[in-house]
Protein backbone atom coordinates (compact mmCIF):
# COMPACT_ATOMS: atom_id res chain seq x y z
CA MET A 1 3.91 8.70 -8.35
CA ARG A 2 5.24 8.61 -4.82
CA LEU A 3 6.33 10.82 -1.98
CA ARG A 4 9.34 9.78 0.07
CA LEU A 5 9.53 11.48 3.44
CA GLN A 6 12.85 11.54 5.25
CA ILE A 7 11.94 11.11 8.91
CA ASN A 8 13.64 11.14 12.29
CA THR A 9 12.57 9.72 15.62
CA ARG A 10 13.84 9.28 19.15
CA ALA A 11 11.74 6.17 19.65
CA ARG A 12 13.39 2.76 19.74
CA GLU A 13 10.59 0.55 18.44
CA ILE A 14 7.09 0.56 16.98
CA PRO A 15 4.64 -1.97 18.43
CA TRP A 16 3.84 -4.60 15.82
CA GLY A 17 0.18 -3.62 15.86
CA ASP A 18 1.13 -0.11 14.72
CA VAL A 19 3.73 -0.89 12.06
CA LEU A 20 1.19 -0.30 9.26
CA ALA A 21 -2.14 0.63 10.88
CA PRO A 22 -1.67 4.41 11.36
CA GLY A 23 -0.86 5.12 7.70
CA ARG A 24 -4.40 5.15 6.37
CA GLY A 25 -5.54 7.68 8.96
CA ILE A 26 -2.56 9.93 8.25
CA ILE A 27 -3.45 9.92 4.54
CA TYR A 28 -7.09 10.83 5.15
CA ASP A 29 -6.21 13.50 7.70
CA ALA A 30 -3.87 15.11 5.16
CA LEU A 31 -6.44 14.90 2.36
CA TYR A 32 -9.24 16.36 4.46
CA ARG A 33 -7.01 19.35 5.24
CA THR A 34 -5.88 20.05 1.68
CA ALA A 35 -8.47 18.44 -0.66
CA PRO A 36 -11.63 17.79 1.38
CA GLU A 37 -13.87 17.02 -1.60
CA LEU A 38 -11.45 14.41 -2.92
CA ALA A 39 -11.05 12.96 0.57
CA GLU A 40 -14.81 12.67 1.03
CA LYS A 41 -15.30 11.07 -2.38
CA ILE A 42 -12.67 8.40 -1.74
CA HIS A 43 -13.71 7.81 1.85
CA GLU A 44 -17.35 7.29 0.96
CA ASN A 45 -17.10 5.41 -2.34
CA GLY A 46 -13.51 4.40 -2.99
CA TRP A 47 -12.17 4.82 -6.51
CA GLY A 48 -13.28 3.38 -9.83
CA PRO A 49 -15.81 0.63 -10.54
CA TYR A 50 -14.61 -1.55 -7.65
CA GLY A 51 -14.35 1.14 -5.00
CA ILE A 52 -10.70 0.51 -4.17
CA ALA A 53 -8.46 2.70 -2.06
CA PRO A 54 -6.41 4.53 -4.73
CA PHE A 55 -3.29 4.85 -2.60
CA GLY A 56 -0.74 2.89 -0.62
CA HIS A 57 2.06 3.46 1.82
CA SER A 58 5.12 1.84 3.31
CA ALA A 59 5.93 1.21 6.93
CA PRO A 60 8.31 3.64 8.62
CA THR A 61 11.69 2.20 7.68
CA PHE A 62 14.94 2.80 9.53
CA PRO A 63 17.72 0.88 7.75
CA ASN A 64 20.36 1.67 10.38
CA ALA A 65 18.30 0.87 13.48
CA PRO A 66 19.84 -1.98 15.52
CA ARG A 67 17.95 -5.20 14.88
CA VAL A 68 16.22 -6.72 17.91
CA ARG A 69 14.61 -10.15 17.69
CA GLY A 70 10.83 -9.99 17.96
CA LYS A 71 10.67 -6.20 17.73
CA TYR A 72 10.23 -3.61 14.97
CA PRO A 73 13.19 -1.32 15.68
CA VAL A 74 13.37 2.36 14.80
CA ARG A 75 15.98 4.96 15.61
CA GLY A 76 17.57 7.99 14.04
CA THR A 77 16.93 8.74 10.37
CA GLY A 78 14.64 6.70 8.13
CA TYR A 79 12.00 7.09 5.46
CA LEU A 80 8.28 6.72 4.90
CA GLU A 81 6.60 6.48 1.49
CA PHE A 82 3.10 7.28 0.21
CA GLY A 83 1.91 6.79 -3.35
CA SER A 84 -0.95 6.88 -5.83
CA PRO A 85 -1.39 7.01 -9.61
CA LEU A 86 -3.68 10.02 -9.08
CA PRO A 87 -1.60 13.22 -9.41
CA GLU A 88 -4.19 15.30 -7.57
CA LEU A 89 -4.02 12.96 -4.58
CA VAL A 90 -0.22 12.99 -4.42
CA GLN A 91 -0.19 16.78 -4.78
CA ALA A 92 -2.66 17.11 -1.91
CA LEU A 93 -0.52 14.90 0.32
CA ALA A 94 2.62 16.83 -0.62
CA LEU A 95 0.93 20.12 0.24
CA ASP A 96 0.19 18.86 3.73
CA PHE A 97 3.47 17.06 4.39
CA MET A 98 5.49 20.07 3.21
CA ASN A 99 3.58 22.51 5.42
CA PRO A 100 6.23 24.03 7.72
CA GLU A 101 3.63 24.16 10.50
CA ARG A 102 3.04 20.41 10.30
CA THR A 103 6.41 18.67 10.42
CA LEU A 104 5.45 16.04 13.00
CA LEU A 105 3.53 12.85 12.20
CA ASP A 106 1.84 10.87 14.97
CA TRP A 107 2.40 7.24 13.96
CA GLY A 108 0.38 5.37 16.56
CA GLY A 109 1.88 7.42 19.37
CA ILE A 110 5.38 7.46 17.87
CA ALA A 111 6.56 10.94 16.87
CA LEU A 112 8.07 11.06 13.39
CA GLN A 113 9.76 14.33 12.47
CA VAL A 114 9.55 15.08 8.73
CA ALA A 115 12.88 16.46 7.49
CA SER A 116 12.20 16.52 3.75
CA VAL A 117 9.73 15.39 1.09
CA THR A 118 10.83 14.08 -2.32
CA VAL A 119 8.63 13.26 -5.32
CA GLN A 120 9.44 9.97 -7.08
CA GLN A 121 8.18 9.24 -10.58
CA PRO A 122 7.47 5.62 -11.56
CA PRO A 123 9.72 3.70 -13.96
CA THR A 124 8.67 3.94 -17.61
CA PHE A 125 8.03 0.19 -18.10
CA THR A 126 8.29 0.70 -21.87
CA SER A 127 9.00 -3.01 -22.40
CA GLY A 128 5.55 -3.87 -21.10
CA ARG A 129 7.07 -6.07 -18.40
CA ALA A 130 7.98 -5.52 -14.77
CA ARG A 131 9.47 -7.40 -11.86
CA LEU A 132 7.91 -6.02 -8.69
CA ARG A 133 8.77 -7.07 -5.14
CA THR A 134 6.61 -6.06 -2.20
CA ALA A 135 8.10 -4.54 0.92
CA ASN A 136 5.07 -5.57 2.98
CA PRO A 137 2.94 -8.73 2.79
CA LEU A 138 0.60 -8.92 -0.19
CA HIS A 139 -2.90 -9.86 0.95
CA LEU A 140 -5.48 -11.76 -1.09
CA SER A 141 -8.69 -13.31 0.23
CA GLU A 142 -10.43 -16.48 -0.84
CA TYR A 143 -14.20 -15.97 -0.99
CA ASP A 144 -17.10 -18.37 -0.55
CA ARG A 145 -19.69 -18.96 -3.24
CA PRO A 146 -22.85 -17.09 -2.19
CA GLY A 147 -26.35 -18.20 -2.95
CA PRO A 148 -28.68 -16.19 -5.20
CA GLY A 149 -28.64 -12.57 -4.12
CA GLY A 150 -25.95 -13.19 -1.52
CA GLU A 151 -22.65 -11.42 -1.10
CA HIS A 152 -19.16 -12.86 -1.40
CA THR A 153 -17.66 -13.33 2.05
CA PRO A 154 -13.92 -13.74 2.64
CA VAL A 155 -13.14 -17.18 4.04
CA ARG A 156 -9.38 -17.09 4.50
CA ALA A 157 -6.21 -15.50 3.21
CA LEU A 158 -4.73 -16.97 0.06
CA LEU A 159 -1.00 -17.63 0.23
CA PRO A 160 1.51 -18.05 -2.62
CA GLU A 161 1.60 -21.83 -2.19
CA ASP A 162 -2.16 -22.12 -2.77
CA PRO A 163 -3.07 -23.37 -6.29
CA GLY A 164 -5.49 -20.51 -6.88
CA TYR A 165 -3.06 -17.77 -5.88
CA PRO A 166 -1.70 -16.78 -9.34
CA VAL A 167 -5.21 -16.54 -10.79
CA ALA A 168 -6.49 -14.51 -7.83
CA LEU A 169 -3.49 -12.19 -8.03
CA GLU A 170 -3.94 -11.63 -11.76
CA ARG A 171 -7.62 -10.88 -11.21
CA ASN A 172 -6.77 -8.38 -8.50
CA LEU A 173 -4.12 -6.62 -10.59
CA ASN A 174 -6.53 -6.27 -13.50
CA ARG A 175 -9.24 -4.84 -11.27
CA ARG A 176 -6.72 -2.33 -10.02
CA ALA A 177 -5.59 -1.44 -13.54
CA GLU A 178 -9.21 -0.97 -14.62
CA SER A 179 -9.91 1.19 -11.57
CA PHE A 180 -7.21 3.60 -12.69
CA GLY A 181 -8.54 3.79 -16.24
CA HIS A 182 -6.22 1.28 -17.92
CA ALA A 183 -6.91 -1.84 -19.96
CA PRO A 184 -7.30 -4.94 -17.77
CA ASP A 185 -4.59 -6.86 -19.62
CA ILE A 186 -2.14 -7.55 -16.78
CA GLY A 187 -0.62 -11.02 -16.91
CA VAL A 188 1.19 -12.75 -14.04
CA GLU A 189 4.10 -14.43 -15.80
CA ALA A 190 5.88 -15.88 -12.75
CA ILE A 191 6.20 -15.68 -8.99
CA THR A 192 9.96 -15.51 -8.56
CA TRP A 193 10.34 -15.13 -4.80
CA VAL A 194 8.21 -15.64 -1.68
CA GLY A 195 8.89 -14.30 1.80
CA PRO A 196 7.60 -15.61 5.13
CA ARG A 197 3.94 -15.52 6.06
CA ARG A 198 3.08 -12.56 8.29
CA SER A 199 0.01 -10.91 9.80
CA PHE A 200 -0.46 -7.20 10.43
CA ARG A 201 -3.19 -5.16 12.06
CA VAL A 202 -5.03 -2.88 9.66
CA THR A 203 -7.68 -0.24 10.22
CA GLY A 204 -10.32 1.16 7.94
CA GLN A 205 -13.99 1.52 7.23
CA GLY A 206 -15.23 -2.04 7.67
CA HIS A 207 -11.75 -3.50 7.23
CA SER A 208 -10.21 -3.49 10.70
CA GLY A 209 -8.44 -6.53 12.11
CA GLN A 210 -5.54 -8.82 11.28
CA ARG A 211 -4.65 -9.47 7.63
CA THR A 212 -2.29 -12.23 6.58
CA GLY A 213 -0.08 -12.49 3.53
CA ALA A 214 3.48 -12.87 2.34
CA ARG A 215 5.97 -10.68 0.60
CA VAL A 216 6.36 -11.73 -3.02
CA GLU A 217 8.30 -10.87 -6.15
CA VAL A 218 6.36 -11.27 -9.37
CA GLU A 219 7.03 -10.89 -13.06
CA ILE A 220 4.05 -9.27 -14.74
CA SER A 221 3.21 -7.96 -18.18
CA GLY A 222 0.82 -5.26 -19.31
CA GLY A 223 0.51 -1.69 -20.47
CA ALA A 224 3.22 0.68 -19.26
CA ARG A 225 0.79 3.04 -17.52
CA ALA A 226 -1.00 0.16 -15.80
CA LEU A 227 2.32 -1.19 -14.51
CA ALA A 228 3.23 2.30 -13.30
CA ALA A 229 -0.08 2.47 -11.42
CA LEU A 230 0.70 -0.78 -9.60
CA TRP A 231 4.17 0.50 -8.72
CA SER A 232 2.62 3.70 -7.39
CA ALA A 233 -0.12 2.26 -5.17
CA GLY A 234 0.79 -1.37 -4.49
CA MET A 235 -0.62 -4.79 -5.34
CA GLY A 236 -3.26 -7.00 -3.79
CA GLN A 237 -6.02 -6.07 -1.38
CA GLN A 238 -5.85 -3.57 1.48
CA THR A 239 -3.16 -1.42 -0.13
CA GLY A 240 -4.70 1.56 1.61
CA ALA A 241 -3.63 -0.09 4.86
CA GLY A 242 -0.05 -0.52 3.66
CA LEU A 243 -0.22 -4.12 2.45
CA GLY A 244 1.33 -4.99 -0.90
CA TRP A 245 3.55 -1.89 -1.02
CA VAL A 246 6.12 -2.25 -3.80
CA VAL A 247 9.84 -1.72 -3.27
CA ALA A 248 10.96 1.33 -5.25
């Protein structure tokens, strides 16, 4: 399930460091106002057996803004999306975003005026297959092999051209499916498109810094509800920071 906010701004650009980074804070601020117990639970422990962030978001998108090389342009009317497979989380966000006393979002110092909020249901995926393309880079980390009692430490970002990428992606998608209460039977059938490598600044509890990835389009198979969960919250790591957001 998703929320699509129609937004307006007088700004002309968003600094690259703030294209995605403010989203996580906006989500938690909204949750703490409308569902503080849920917000605290997720903030402290994440969701499910792997402690993931059970939500995702897009970047503010302004399709009609004039394109300027090297800048992230905004102007006029655009949209911003938030999503999660958890109905209670989406409802809490909607309650805050639809509050007539809170129609202005502070996106890293850029004022975004909320004009309307629309609920979007996921596709049914009754065939058990989906072709999902990300709007933002999908991030996966390669980890070292720790010694006895040690912890896995991320070494570098995996990219689609790396041999281990499909296996790592499939593992990630199954962990996400399991976190939302679905069978971990997601299969990556093919990677059908790859965008350019990009890095974005992200913020979060222990997860701040630059994260690198690439937009991808993948054909995947699995249970319909598991596929809907991936559509709702994104794919890969750091979805709570906006990475791996899926095009509706």
